[in-house]
C-alpha atoms as a PDB file:
ATOM      1  CA  MET A   1       7.336  14.592  -8.298  1.00  0.00           C
ATOM      2  CA  THR A   2       7.995  10.769  -7.100  1.00  0.00           C
ATOM      3  CA  MET A   3       5.005  11.188  -4.596  1.00  0.00           C
ATOM      4  CA  ASN A   4       2.588  12.413  -7.095  1.00  0.00           C
ATOM      5  CA  LYS A   5       3.390   9.410  -9.249  1.00  0.00           C
ATOM      6  CA  LEU A   6       3.274   7.135  -6.577  1.00  0.00           C
ATOM      7  CA  MET A   7      -0.244   8.554  -5.609  1.00  0.00           C
ATOM      8  CA  GLN A   8      -1.310   8.503  -9.539  1.00  0.00           C
ATOM      9  CA  THR A   9      -0.313   4.770  -9.768  1.00  0.00           C
ATOM     10  CA  LEU A  10      -2.062   4.017  -6.752  1.00  0.00           C
ATOM     11  CA  GLY A  11      -5.508   5.408  -8.284  1.00  0.00           C
ATOM     12  CA  LEU A  12      -4.785   3.895 -11.510  1.00  0.00           C
ATOM     13  CA  ALA A  13      -4.431   0.731  -9.583  1.00  0.00           C
ATOM     14  CA  ARG A  14      -7.931   1.107  -7.605  1.00  0.00           C
ATOM     15  CA  ARG A  15      -9.699   2.064 -10.995  1.00  0.00           C
ATOM     16  CA  ALA A  16      -8.383  -1.420 -12.552  1.00  0.00           C
ATOM     17  CA  ASN A  17     -10.092  -3.129  -9.267  1.00  0.00           C
ATOM     18  CA  LYS A  18      -6.068  -4.393  -7.930  1.00  0.00           C
ATOM     19  CA  VAL A  19      -6.800  -2.963  -4.736  1.00  0.00           C
ATOM     20  CA  VAL A  20      -7.666  -4.572  -1.384  1.00  0.00           C
ATOM     21  CA  LEU A  21      -9.424  -1.932   0.914  1.00  0.00           C
ATOM     22  CA  GLY A  22      -9.780  -1.911   4.434  1.00  0.00           C
ATOM     23  CA  SER A  23      -7.637  -3.801   7.429  1.00  0.00           C
ATOM     24  CA  GLY A  24     -10.227  -6.690   7.699  1.00  0.00           C
ATOM     25  CA  PRO A  25      -9.412  -8.138   3.798  1.00  0.00           C
ATOM     26  CA  THR A  26      -5.773  -6.106   3.503  1.00  0.00           C
ATOM     27  CA  LEU A  27      -5.062  -8.771   6.332  1.00  0.00           C
ATOM     28  CA  LYS A  28      -6.741 -11.560   4.530  1.00  0.00           C
ATOM     29  CA  ALA A  29      -4.799 -10.663   1.213  1.00  0.00           C
ATOM     30  CA  ILE A  30      -1.705 -10.890   3.104  1.00  0.00           C
ATOM     31  CA  GLN A  31      -2.288 -14.165   4.731  1.00  0.00           C
ATOM     32  CA  ASN A  32      -3.428 -15.565   1.375  1.00  0.00           C
ATOM     33  CA  GLN A  33      -0.259 -14.302   0.033  1.00  0.00           C
ATOM     34  CA  SER A  34      -1.921 -12.560  -2.521  1.00  0.00           C
ATOM     35  CA  ALA A  35      -1.179  -8.897  -1.835  1.00  0.00           C
ATOM     36  CA  ARG A  36       2.085  -8.167  -3.427  1.00  0.00           C
ATOM     37  CA  ILE A  37       2.563  -4.715  -1.568  1.00  0.00           C
ATOM     38  CA  VAL A  38       1.002  -3.078   1.664  1.00  0.00           C
ATOM     39  CA  PHE A  39       0.170   0.325   2.232  1.00  0.00           C
ATOM     40  CA  PHE A  40      -0.307   1.842   5.994  1.00  0.00           C
ATOM     41  CA  PRO A  41      -0.581   5.541   6.540  1.00  0.00           C
ATOM     42  CA  LYS A  42       2.442   6.780   8.233  1.00  0.00           C
ATOM     43  CA  ASP A  43       0.443   9.008  11.144  1.00  0.00           C
ATOM     44  CA  GLY A  44      -1.591   5.602  11.846  1.00  0.00           C
ATOM     45  CA  GLY A  45      -1.997   3.999  15.014  1.00  0.00           C
ATOM     46  CA  ALA A  46       1.189   2.369  16.567  1.00  0.00           C
ATOM     47  CA  SER A  47      -0.678  -0.432  17.321  1.00  0.00           C
ATOM     48  CA  GLN A  48      -2.348  -0.955  13.747  1.00  0.00           C
ATOM     49  CA  TYR A  49       1.344  -0.617  12.505  1.00  0.00           C
ATOM     50  CA  LYS A  50       3.088  -3.111  14.578  1.00  0.00           C
ATOM     51  CA  LYS A  51       0.251  -5.712  13.309  1.00  0.00           C
ATOM     52  CA  PHE A  52       0.418  -5.162   9.600  1.00  0.00           C
ATOM     53  CA  SER A  53       4.333  -4.706   9.316  1.00  0.00           C
ATOM     54  CA  ASP A  54       4.828  -7.707  11.369  1.00  0.00           C
ATOM     55  CA  LYS A  55       2.170 -10.025   9.153  1.00  0.00           C
ATOM     56  CA  CYS A  56       3.959  -8.235   6.295  1.00  0.00           C
ATOM     57  CA  ALA A  57       7.402  -9.479   6.967  1.00  0.00           C
ATOM     58  CA  PHE A  58       6.158 -12.971   8.436  1.00  0.00           C
ATOM     59  CA  TYR A  59       4.415 -13.415   5.294  1.00  0.00           C
ATOM     60  CA  LYS A  60       7.416 -11.922   3.291  1.00  0.00           C
ATOM     61  CA  VAL A  61       5.205  -8.990   1.965  1.00  0.00           C
ATOM     62  CA  THR A  62       6.452  -5.320   0.922  1.00  0.00           C
ATOM     63  CA  PHE A  63       5.499  -2.774   3.660  1.00  0.00           C
ATOM     64  CA  SER A  64       5.372   0.681   3.108  1.00  0.00           C
ATOM     65  CA  ASP A  65       4.359   3.522   5.402  1.00  0.00           C
ATOM     66  CA  ALA A  66       5.847   6.488   2.492  1.00  0.00           C
ATOM     67  CA  LEU A  67       2.314   7.948   2.418  1.00  0.00           C
ATOM     68  CA  THR A  68       0.033   9.779   4.953  1.00  0.00           C
ATOM     69  CA  ARG A  69      -3.610   9.169   5.942  1.00  0.00           C
ATOM     70  CA  ASP A  70      -4.459  12.223   3.688  1.00  0.00           C
ATOM     71  CA  GLU A  71      -2.108  11.376   0.738  1.00  0.00           C
ATOM     72  CA  LEU A  72      -3.717   7.607   0.705  1.00  0.00           C
ATOM     73  CA  ILE A  73      -7.291   8.810   0.245  1.00  0.00           C
ATOM     74  CA  SER A  74      -6.762  11.411  -1.922  1.00  0.00           C
ATOM     75  CA  SER A  75      -4.969   9.118  -4.524  1.00  0.00           C
ATOM     76  CA  ILE A  76      -7.490   6.065  -4.161  1.00  0.00           C
ATOM     77  CA  GLY A  77     -10.807   8.496  -4.018  1.00  0.00           C
ATOM     78  CA  MET A  78     -12.181   6.435  -1.187  1.00  0.00           C
ATOM     79  CA  ASN A  79     -11.860   6.916   2.797  1.00  0.00           C
ATOM     80  CA  ARG A  80      -9.701   4.023   3.471  1.00  0.00           C
ATOM     81  CA  SER A  81      -6.164   3.778   4.801  1.00  0.00           C
ATOM     82  CA  VAL A  82      -5.258   0.660   4.466  1.00  0.00           C
ATOM     83  CA  LEU A  83      -4.551  -1.338   1.137  1.00  0.00           C
ATOM     84  CA  ALA A  84      -2.761  -3.769  -0.552  1.00  0.00           C
ATOM     85  CA  ILE A  85      -1.688  -4.025  -4.198  1.00  0.00           C
ATOM     86  CA  GLU A  86      -2.494  -7.595  -5.834  1.00  0.00           C
ATOM     87  CA  ASP A  87      -1.505  -7.264  -9.398  1.00  0.00           C
ATOM     88  CA  ALA A  88       2.005  -7.936 -10.442  1.00  0.00           C
ATOM     89  CA  GLY A  89       2.599  -5.072 -12.616  1.00  0.00           C
ATOM     90  CA  PHE A  90       1.261  -2.574 -10.355  1.00  0.00           C
ATOM     91  CA  SER A  91       3.079  -3.427  -7.371  1.00  0.00           C
ATOM     92  CA  LYS A  92       6.443  -3.501  -9.771  1.00  0.00           C
ATOM     93  CA  LYS A  93       5.756   0.101 -10.588  1.00  0.00           C
ATOM     94  CA  ILE A  94       5.166   1.086  -7.174  1.00  0.00           C
ATOM     95  CA  LYS A  95       8.167  -0.784  -6.052  1.00  0.00           C
ATOM     96  CA  GLU A  96      10.525   1.555  -8.406  1.00  0.00           C
ATOM     97  CA  ILE A  97       8.855   4.396  -7.566  1.00  0.00           C
ATOM     98  CA  LEU A  98       9.593   3.745  -3.715  1.00  0.00           C
ATOM     99  CA  GLU A  99      13.252   2.914  -4.778  1.00  0.00           C
ATOM    100  CA  GLU A 100      13.620   6.034  -6.602  1.00  0.00           C
ATOM    101  CA  LYS A 101      12.079   8.024  -4.101  1.00  0.00           C
ATOM    102  CA  GLU A 102      14.803   6.779  -1.589  1.00  0.00           C
ATOM    103  CA  ARG A 103      17.711   7.272  -3.655  1.00  0.00           C
ATOM    104  CA  ASN A 104      16.547  10.773  -4.070  1.00  0.00           C
END
């Protein structure tokens, strides 16, 4: 159930234009510190995974690999697998959902 809530919240954030899509814009959002949480697919490439996780750790941005590439694509309705949430409200809700998932 928590995965559905997470995917629905990502879809809402995208429709509200609070999402940065694609690897280049996401890296810029991390470096500008406008990104609050970054999603990378757990079935993504190892070198890209390392690049994004290291950038997030350096800039103190939350990094998540809770969803697969197909789940990310279906939740946002676009063929992008790397994305960042910039909105404080959406990122807070998503972090709550991720914490709930970890507890279960």
